Amino acid sequence: MRLPHRSISSIQPLPSIYTTFPASYDSSQSTVTSGINSGTCLISRIEDGIEVAPFERVHVLSAPILSPDQEEKEVFVSPSGEIGASEKPLPDLPGCIWNRMSLRQRILAFLTLQFILLVTIGCSLLAVKRRSLHSDQASTAYIASDIPPDTSAISEIRRGIFALPIQVPQKQSSACLARMNESIAWTCAFNTMLQLSVLPAPAGDDNATMVAMTSPPNINTIHFGEQMPDIPPVELLELENNARENGSAYYFRATYDRVVLLREDEFTQAKKRQARLDPQHTSFLPGESLWQCTFKESIIKGYLYVKKPTKADASSTESNTANTTIMTRLPLVPYSVKLVEERLPNGKTPYCEKMLVERDATLSSQSQIIDLSLSNPQAEAAAYTPPPTRRMKYRIRDQEATSNHCQCQWLIQ
């Protein structure tokens, strides 16, 4: 069947057709040779209803494209090698968690690990320190209790905290004061209690022993007489005894400021007065005036005789003390103890200052000071023997006070 014949000009133009040619395209195979270089293409007359648009291109990256509507378009063709070179391959996924984390996450993780490490090291050091302290205390110290010490280890000093009863002094001398009415300023303590602490040696010296002596806790009262001293820890040294009458003995020595509180009328009488022993330890009331006498750089010496256990009865001793309720739970010192107080020869001049008792059990000065006269300062300077400056054994010397010394001595046995 033959199709009807129509004119080409009556055919509506079709949409543009884009055609690409491979790089190996050969222009010599084209039957149409004319018009190529001019960019135009001749359309041959064909059967009605069929359109053929031949295109030709040379070996260039761009070529003109003609469609039946005679509009010229240009297509750029890139070789396959150039397309592959311009494309970048995707990166590989990270293999570990650290590489997947951002910079902020890495910083936070590092700080957290560092904090955990520091806490672990600190806890380890504290545990080692506590274990070492517990071991030292278990191996070098005995727990103070009411049970008497083991006689098999009597030569070793027993560590602990003990009550040291102070009763009427064995010896008392105020010969260092020249005036009779001022001799009461050197009053010795009586019927009271001290706290004696026998402590292990500090780190690095396993053979040493420390001793500290403190007064009972303050109960907001001010008592008449000598105020018991507070001696910081000092080393306890071995004392060499020729006679060996008291067995093994140890010795300590310390310097402190001795304080005695007297009534307001103590200096009124012109003749020599004897110190009045007040078994009740009279307390000063708020608003009362008193004299506070101070002996700077006084000496206190202690002697512990470990082979002479104390014979003091806790029940009989505590009934006469002023601080019974405070010291009852402490065991008595297990050894015989001798305490000696004396004024340091060639020391500072003692003085008494008038004070006022405040409502809060404190003392305020009333700006009235009396210097105490010494009997023979030159003789004191000649009799003074400075303490040794190095650790050594001491020989017992005569502990009797000279004729111009102020001294107190107690024996607890």
Protein backbone atom coordinates (compact mmCIF):
# COMPACT_ATOMS: atom_id res chain seq x y z
CA MET A 1 0.00 0.00 0.00
CA ARG A 2 1.44 3.27 -1.00
CA LEU A 3 1.45 6.16 1.55
CA PRO A 4 0.06 9.53 0.49
CA HIS A 5 2.56 12.10 -0.56
CA ARG A 6 2.98 15.21 1.62
CA SER A 7 5.23 18.16 1.41
CA ILE A 8 8.13 18.38 3.84
CA SER A 9 7.38 21.99 4.67
CA SER A 10 4.02 20.98 6.08
CA ILE A 11 5.62 18.68 8.67
CA GLN A 12 5.81 20.13 12.19
CA PRO A 13 9.34 20.28 13.66
CA LEU A 14 10.19 17.56 16.17
CA PRO A 15 11.93 18.16 19.50
CA SER A 16 15.68 18.55 19.39
CA ILE A 17 17.64 15.35 19.17
CA TYR A 18 21.07 15.24 20.88
CA THR A 19 23.51 12.88 19.40
CA THR A 20 27.05 12.11 20.52
CA PHE A 21 29.64 10.44 18.38
CA PRO A 22 32.48 8.29 19.61
CA ALA A 23 36.03 9.48 19.26
CA SER A 24 36.70 6.84 16.60
CA TYR A 25 34.08 8.21 14.29
CA ASP A 26 35.34 8.36 10.67
CA SER A 27 34.06 11.21 8.63
CA SER A 28 35.19 9.53 5.42
CA GLN A 29 32.35 7.00 5.72
CA SER A 30 29.80 9.75 5.31
CA THR A 31 28.21 10.05 1.90
CA VAL A 32 27.69 13.67 2.32
CA THR A 33 30.96 15.61 2.17
CA SER A 34 29.85 19.07 1.37
CA GLY A 35 28.72 21.51 3.94
CA ILE A 36 30.45 19.85 6.89
CA ASN A 37 33.03 22.55 7.46
CA SER A 38 30.39 25.21 7.17
CA GLY A 39 28.43 23.70 10.04
CA THR A 40 25.37 22.92 7.89
CA CYS A 41 23.93 19.59 6.87
CA LEU A 42 21.81 18.84 3.79
CA ILE A 43 18.62 16.95 4.39
CA SER A 44 17.82 14.56 1.56
CA ARG A 45 14.34 14.01 0.23
CA ILE A 46 12.90 10.81 1.58
CA GLU A 47 9.60 9.11 1.79
CA ASP A 48 6.76 10.95 3.52
CA GLY A 49 6.47 10.22 7.27
CA ILE A 50 10.15 9.37 7.86
CA GLU A 51 12.72 11.89 8.96
CA VAL A 52 16.42 11.24 8.93
CA ALA A 53 18.86 13.75 10.36
CA PRO A 54 22.43 12.76 9.55
CA PHE A 55 25.07 14.35 11.73
CA GLU A 56 28.76 14.43 11.28
CA ARG A 57 31.57 15.49 13.56
CA VAL A 58 35.31 15.56 13.52
CA HIS A 59 37.75 14.51 16.23
CA VAL A 60 37.10 17.47 18.44
CA LEU A 61 35.63 17.79 21.92
CA SER A 62 32.61 19.66 20.57
CA ALA A 63 30.49 19.31 17.47
CA PRO A 64 27.47 21.17 16.07
CA ILE A 65 24.17 19.34 16.25
CA LEU A 66 21.35 20.15 13.87
CA SER A 67 17.74 19.27 14.37
CA PRO A 68 14.93 19.48 11.77
CA ASP A 69 13.92 22.88 13.08
CA GLN A 70 17.26 24.16 11.78
CA GLU A 71 18.41 25.32 15.26
CA GLU A 72 22.05 24.66 15.84
CA LYS A 73 23.14 23.12 19.24
CA GLU A 74 26.61 22.10 20.40
CA VAL A 75 27.43 19.12 22.59
CA PHE A 76 30.72 18.74 24.47
CA VAL A 77 32.03 15.22 24.75
CA SER A 78 34.76 14.25 27.21
CA PRO A 79 36.81 11.13 26.73
CA SER A 80 36.24 8.30 29.19
CA GLY A 81 39.77 8.73 30.60
CA GLU A 82 39.14 12.35 31.58
CA ILE A 83 35.84 11.48 33.25
CA GLY A 84 37.51 8.83 35.37
CA ALA A 85 40.37 11.14 36.38
CA SER A 86 38.08 13.93 37.57
CA GLU A 87 36.09 11.68 39.86
CA LYS A 88 37.51 11.09 43.45
CA PRO A 89 36.86 7.77 45.15
CA LEU A 90 34.96 7.77 48.47
CA PRO A 91 37.16 7.40 51.59
CA ASP A 92 37.16 4.13 53.49
CA LEU A 93 35.19 3.90 56.76
CA PRO A 94 37.38 4.17 59.90
CA GLY A 95 38.17 0.88 61.57
CA CYS A 96 38.38 1.90 65.32
CA ILE A 97 36.19 3.97 67.64
CA TRP A 98 38.93 6.58 68.30
CA ASN A 99 39.08 7.47 64.58
CA ARG A 100 35.31 7.83 64.42
CA MET A 101 35.24 10.33 67.33
CA SER A 102 35.27 14.07 66.77
CA LEU A 103 37.97 16.33 68.19
CA ARG A 104 35.76 17.45 71.08
CA GLN A 105 34.90 13.87 71.97
CA ARG A 106 38.59 12.94 71.95
CA ILE A 107 39.46 15.79 74.36
CA LEU A 108 36.67 14.80 76.78
CA ALA A 109 37.73 11.17 76.69
CA PHE A 110 41.37 12.09 77.40
CA LEU A 111 40.43 14.29 80.38
CA THR A 112 38.18 11.57 81.81
CA LEU A 113 40.94 8.96 81.60
CA GLN A 114 43.40 11.33 83.26
CA PHE A 115 40.99 12.05 86.15
CA ILE A 116 40.38 8.34 86.73
CA LEU A 117 44.14 7.71 86.76
CA LEU A 118 44.77 10.44 89.35
CA VAL A 119 41.98 9.18 91.62
CA THR A 120 43.34 5.64 91.43
CA ILE A 121 46.87 6.76 92.33
CA GLY A 122 45.61 8.89 95.25
CA CYS A 123 43.52 6.06 96.71
CA SER A 124 46.48 3.69 96.42
CA LEU A 125 48.80 6.07 98.28
CA LEU A 126 46.25 6.61 101.07
CA ALA A 127 45.76 2.87 101.48
CA VAL A 128 49.52 2.26 101.70
CA LYS A 129 49.94 5.08 104.24
CA ARG A 130 47.15 3.80 106.47
CA ARG A 131 48.48 0.26 106.30
CA SER A 132 51.99 1.44 107.22
CA LEU A 133 50.70 3.54 110.13
CA HIS A 134 48.63 0.66 111.47
CA SER A 135 51.63 -1.68 111.20
CA ASP A 136 53.91 0.74 113.06
CA GLN A 137 51.43 1.23 115.85
CA ALA A 138 50.84 -2.50 116.18
CA SER A 139 54.55 -3.33 116.32
CA THR A 140 55.96 -0.50 118.45
CA ALA A 141 53.15 0.66 120.73
CA TYR A 142 51.17 -0.97 123.49
CA ILE A 143 47.57 0.01 124.11
CA ALA A 144 47.16 1.71 127.47
CA SER A 145 44.72 -0.22 129.63
CA ASP A 146 44.10 -1.19 133.22
CA ILE A 147 46.01 -4.46 132.74
CA PRO A 148 49.55 -4.27 134.19
CA PRO A 149 52.42 -4.59 131.71
CA ASP A 150 53.97 -7.93 130.87
CA THR A 151 56.92 -8.60 133.21
CA SER A 152 58.83 -10.36 130.44
CA ALA A 153 59.10 -7.06 128.54
CA ILE A 154 59.46 -4.78 131.56
CA SER A 155 62.66 -3.27 130.14
CA GLU A 156 60.77 -1.78 127.20
CA ILE A 157 58.80 1.39 127.86
CA ARG A 158 55.09 0.96 127.57
CA ARG A 159 53.43 3.36 125.12
CA GLY A 160 50.08 4.96 125.74
CA ILE A 161 48.26 7.81 127.48
CA PHE A 162 48.28 7.72 131.27
CA ALA A 163 47.04 9.74 134.22
CA LEU A 164 49.80 11.18 136.41
CA PRO A 165 48.54 12.14 139.89
CA ILE A 166 50.28 15.14 141.48
CA GLN A 167 49.95 15.28 145.27
CA VAL A 168 51.74 17.25 147.98
CA PRO A 169 55.31 17.97 146.80
CA GLN A 170 58.21 16.22 148.49
CA LYS A 171 60.38 19.30 148.23
CA GLN A 172 59.51 22.94 147.86
CA SER A 173 61.90 25.87 147.93
CA SER A 174 61.44 29.54 147.04
CA ALA A 175 64.97 30.57 148.03
CA CYS A 176 65.56 32.33 144.70
CA LEU A 177 63.22 35.17 145.79
CA ALA A 178 64.75 37.81 148.06
CA ARG A 179 61.65 39.36 149.66
CA MET A 180 59.69 37.44 152.25
CA ASN A 181 56.26 38.57 151.10
CA GLU A 182 57.02 37.52 147.52
CA SER A 183 58.07 33.95 148.30
CA ILE A 184 54.49 32.72 147.84
CA ALA A 185 54.84 33.52 144.13
CA TRP A 186 56.73 30.21 143.84
CA THR A 187 53.90 27.87 144.84
CA CYS A 188 54.06 24.18 143.94
CA ALA A 189 51.11 22.30 142.50
CA PHE A 190 49.25 19.77 144.65
CA ASN A 191 46.20 17.48 144.49
CA THR A 192 45.78 17.64 140.75
CA MET A 193 46.25 15.41 137.75
CA LEU A 194 48.43 15.53 134.65
CA GLN A 195 48.13 13.62 131.41
CA LEU A 196 51.36 11.83 130.43
CA SER A 197 51.63 10.55 126.85
CA VAL A 198 54.37 8.09 125.91
CA LEU A 199 54.46 8.20 122.12
CA PRO A 200 56.21 6.18 119.43
CA ALA A 201 59.20 7.68 117.72
CA PRO A 202 58.76 9.84 114.62
CA ALA A 203 59.34 8.29 111.22
CA GLY A 204 62.94 7.39 110.56
CA ASP A 205 64.03 6.78 114.18
CA ASP A 206 62.72 3.45 115.46
CA ASN A 207 64.75 3.51 118.68
CA ALA A 208 63.53 6.85 120.04
CA THR A 209 60.51 7.46 122.29
CA MET A 210 58.67 10.74 122.75
CA VAL A 211 56.97 12.05 125.89
CA ALA A 212 54.34 14.79 126.15
CA MET A 213 52.68 16.19 129.26
CA THR A 214 49.48 18.25 129.31
CA SER A 215 47.11 19.62 131.89
CA PRO A 216 43.50 18.42 132.15
CA PRO A 217 40.99 20.06 129.81
CA ASN A 218 39.79 23.46 130.92
CA ILE A 219 36.30 23.42 132.46
CA ASN A 220 35.86 27.20 132.25
CA THR A 221 37.21 27.81 135.74
CA ILE A 222 40.32 29.56 137.04
CA HIS A 223 41.89 27.93 140.10
CA PHE A 224 44.23 29.25 142.73
CA GLY A 225 47.88 28.13 142.65
CA GLU A 226 50.24 26.84 140.00
CA GLN A 227 48.81 26.31 136.54
CA MET A 228 49.99 22.95 135.25
CA PRO A 229 52.26 23.16 132.19
CA ASP A 230 51.67 21.88 128.68
CA ILE A 231 54.88 20.25 127.46
CA PRO A 232 55.06 19.41 123.74
CA PRO A 233 56.58 16.04 122.70
CA VAL A 234 60.24 15.74 123.70
CA GLU A 235 62.61 12.81 123.34
CA LEU A 236 62.93 10.35 126.21
CA LEU A 237 66.60 9.50 126.78
CA GLU A 238 68.25 6.70 128.72
CA LEU A 239 69.64 7.70 132.10
CA GLU A 240 72.80 5.99 133.34
CA ASN A 241 72.63 5.19 137.05
CA ASN A 242 75.77 4.07 138.83
CA ALA A 243 74.00 2.68 141.87
CA ARG A 244 71.28 0.93 139.86
CA GLU A 245 69.09 1.25 142.91
CA ASN A 246 66.07 2.24 140.85
CA GLY A 247 66.72 -0.03 137.88
CA SER A 248 66.47 1.16 134.27
CA ALA A 249 65.53 4.82 134.09
CA TYR A 250 64.72 7.35 131.40
CA TYR A 251 64.90 11.10 131.44
CA PHE A 252 63.30 14.07 129.68
CA ARG A 253 63.72 17.81 130.07
CA ALA A 254 61.80 20.82 128.75
CA THR A 255 61.62 24.59 129.20
CA TYR A 256 58.36 26.48 129.68
CA ASP A 257 56.85 29.60 131.26
CA ARG A 258 55.68 28.79 134.79
CA VAL A 259 52.46 30.59 135.88
CA VAL A 260 51.06 30.90 139.43
CA LEU A 261 47.75 32.60 140.30
CA LEU A 262 47.51 34.32 143.70
CA ARG A 263 44.79 36.17 145.55
CA GLU A 264 44.72 39.94 145.45
CA ASP A 265 45.87 40.32 149.08
CA GLU A 266 48.86 37.95 148.83
CA PHE A 267 51.48 40.77 148.75
CA THR A 268 49.99 42.89 151.55
CA GLN A 269 51.90 41.41 154.49
CA ALA A 270 55.50 42.47 154.96
CA LYS A 271 56.76 39.31 156.65
CA LYS A 272 57.47 36.04 154.93
CA ARG A 273 54.35 34.04 154.18
CA GLN A 274 53.92 30.34 153.80
CA ALA A 275 51.97 29.07 150.80
CA ARG A 276 48.53 27.95 151.86
CA LEU A 277 47.59 24.55 150.52
CA ASP A 278 43.97 24.75 149.49
CA PRO A 279 42.68 21.17 149.05
CA GLN A 280 39.53 22.44 147.34
CA HIS A 281 41.43 24.46 144.70
CA THR A 282 39.43 27.62 145.21
CA SER A 283 38.14 29.10 141.97
CA PHE A 284 38.17 32.79 141.12
CA LEU A 285 34.79 34.29 140.28
CA PRO A 286 34.11 36.76 137.44
CA GLY A 287 34.89 40.32 138.50
CA GLU A 288 37.57 39.32 141.04
CA SER A 289 41.14 40.59 140.83
CA LEU A 290 44.18 38.35 141.20
CA TRP A 291 47.93 38.30 140.69
CA GLN A 292 49.42 36.30 137.84
CA CYS A 293 53.09 35.54 138.55
CA THR A 294 55.21 34.37 135.62
CA PHE A 295 58.64 32.71 135.74
CA LYS A 296 59.99 32.77 132.21
CA GLU A 297 62.13 29.86 130.99
CA SER A 298 61.52 27.54 133.91
CA ILE A 299 62.75 23.94 133.70
CA ILE A 300 60.78 20.75 134.21
CA LYS A 301 62.56 17.39 134.35
CA GLY A 302 61.02 13.96 134.49
CA TYR A 303 62.48 10.57 135.46
CA LEU A 304 60.75 7.28 134.59
CA TYR A 305 61.86 4.15 136.47
CA VAL A 306 60.53 1.22 134.44
CA LYS A 307 61.52 -1.48 136.98
CA LYS A 308 59.63 0.20 139.78
CA PRO A 309 55.91 -0.15 139.00
CA THR A 310 53.69 2.44 140.58
CA LYS A 311 51.88 1.51 143.78
CA ALA A 312 49.33 4.31 143.61
CA ASP A 313 45.72 3.27 143.95
CA ALA A 314 43.45 4.86 141.39
CA SER A 315 40.50 5.05 143.75
CA SER A 316 42.41 6.72 146.57
CA THR A 317 44.24 9.12 144.27
CA GLU A 318 41.28 10.33 142.29
CA SER A 319 39.26 11.17 145.38
CA ASN A 320 41.65 14.05 146.15
CA THR A 321 41.98 15.48 142.65
CA ALA A 322 40.19 18.49 141.23
CA ASN A 323 39.58 16.93 137.82
CA THR A 324 38.38 13.47 138.84
CA THR A 325 35.55 13.26 136.34
CA ILE A 326 37.83 14.17 133.44
CA MET A 327 40.74 11.80 134.18
CA THR A 328 38.93 8.74 135.62
CA ARG A 329 38.95 6.78 132.38
CA LEU A 330 42.72 7.05 131.92
CA PRO A 331 44.92 4.32 133.47
CA LEU A 332 47.56 5.38 135.96
CA VAL A 333 51.14 5.56 134.77
CA PRO A 334 52.63 2.04 135.20
CA TYR A 335 56.06 3.24 136.40
CA SER A 336 57.45 5.30 139.23
CA VAL A 337 57.87 8.90 138.10
CA LYS A 338 59.77 11.80 139.60
CA LEU A 339 59.10 15.37 138.46
CA VAL A 340 61.35 18.33 139.25
CA GLU A 341 60.55 21.98 138.53
CA GLU A 342 63.09 24.74 139.00
CA ARG A 343 63.71 28.22 137.82
CA LEU A 344 66.35 28.50 135.12
CA PRO A 345 69.45 30.14 136.63
CA ASN A 346 70.46 33.41 135.02
CA GLY A 347 67.02 33.54 133.40
CA LYS A 348 64.66 36.43 132.91
CA THR A 349 63.41 38.35 135.93
CA PRO A 350 60.09 36.95 137.20
CA TYR A 351 57.15 39.32 137.61
CA CYS A 352 53.55 39.44 138.84
CA GLU A 353 50.77 41.21 136.94
CA LYS A 354 47.37 42.19 138.32
CA MET A 355 44.55 40.64 136.30
CA LEU A 356 40.76 40.76 136.25
CA VAL A 357 38.59 37.66 135.79
CA GLU A 358 36.14 38.13 132.92
CA ARG A 359 32.74 36.48 132.50
CA ASP A 360 34.08 34.04 129.90
CA ALA A 361 36.75 32.73 132.33
CA THR A 362 39.55 34.74 130.73
CA LEU A 363 41.96 37.21 132.30
CA SER A 364 42.44 40.84 131.31
CA SER A 365 45.35 42.99 132.41
CA GLN A 366 44.88 45.88 134.84
CA SER A 367 48.22 47.46 133.89
CA GLN A 368 49.91 46.87 137.24
CA ILE A 369 53.16 44.88 137.20
CA ILE A 370 55.55 44.06 140.06
CA ASP A 371 59.04 42.70 139.35
CA LEU A 372 60.14 40.03 141.83
CA SER A 373 63.54 40.51 143.45
CA LEU A 374 66.07 37.68 143.18
CA SER A 375 68.17 36.68 146.17
CA ASN A 376 71.55 36.17 144.46
CA PRO A 377 71.63 36.47 140.65
CA GLN A 378 75.43 36.09 140.49
CA ALA A 379 75.36 32.77 142.31
CA GLU A 380 72.62 31.51 140.01
CA ALA A 381 74.70 32.32 136.95
CA ALA A 382 77.70 30.47 138.40
CA ALA A 383 75.62 27.41 139.28
CA TYR A 384 73.92 27.21 135.89
CA THR A 385 74.80 24.21 133.71
CA PRO A 386 73.57 24.38 130.11
CA PRO A 387 71.73 21.33 128.78
CA PRO A 388 73.63 19.00 126.43
CA THR A 389 73.22 19.66 122.73
CA ARG A 390 73.54 16.06 121.52
CA ARG A 391 71.91 12.79 122.33
CA MET A 392 73.74 10.78 125.00
CA LYS A 393 73.30 8.89 128.26
CA TYR A 394 73.09 11.00 131.38
CA ARG A 395 74.57 10.35 134.76
CA ILE A 396 72.47 11.10 137.79
CA ARG A 397 73.72 14.10 139.65
CA ASP A 398 72.60 15.45 142.97
CA GLN A 399 69.06 16.70 142.51
CA GLU A 400 69.06 18.67 145.76
CA ALA A 401 68.35 22.33 145.22
CA THR A 402 71.11 24.69 146.07
CA SER A 403 70.63 27.27 148.76
CA ASN A 404 69.40 29.93 146.32
CA HIS A 405 67.25 27.89 143.92
CA CYS A 406 63.47 27.80 143.55
CA GLN A 407 62.36 24.21 143.17
CA CYS A 408 59.43 21.79 143.38
CA GLN A 409 59.74 18.01 143.42
CA TRP A 410 57.10 15.26 143.30
CA LEU A 411 57.47 11.49 143.47
CA ILE A 412 54.69 9.31 142.06
CA GLN A 413 55.15 5.69 143.11
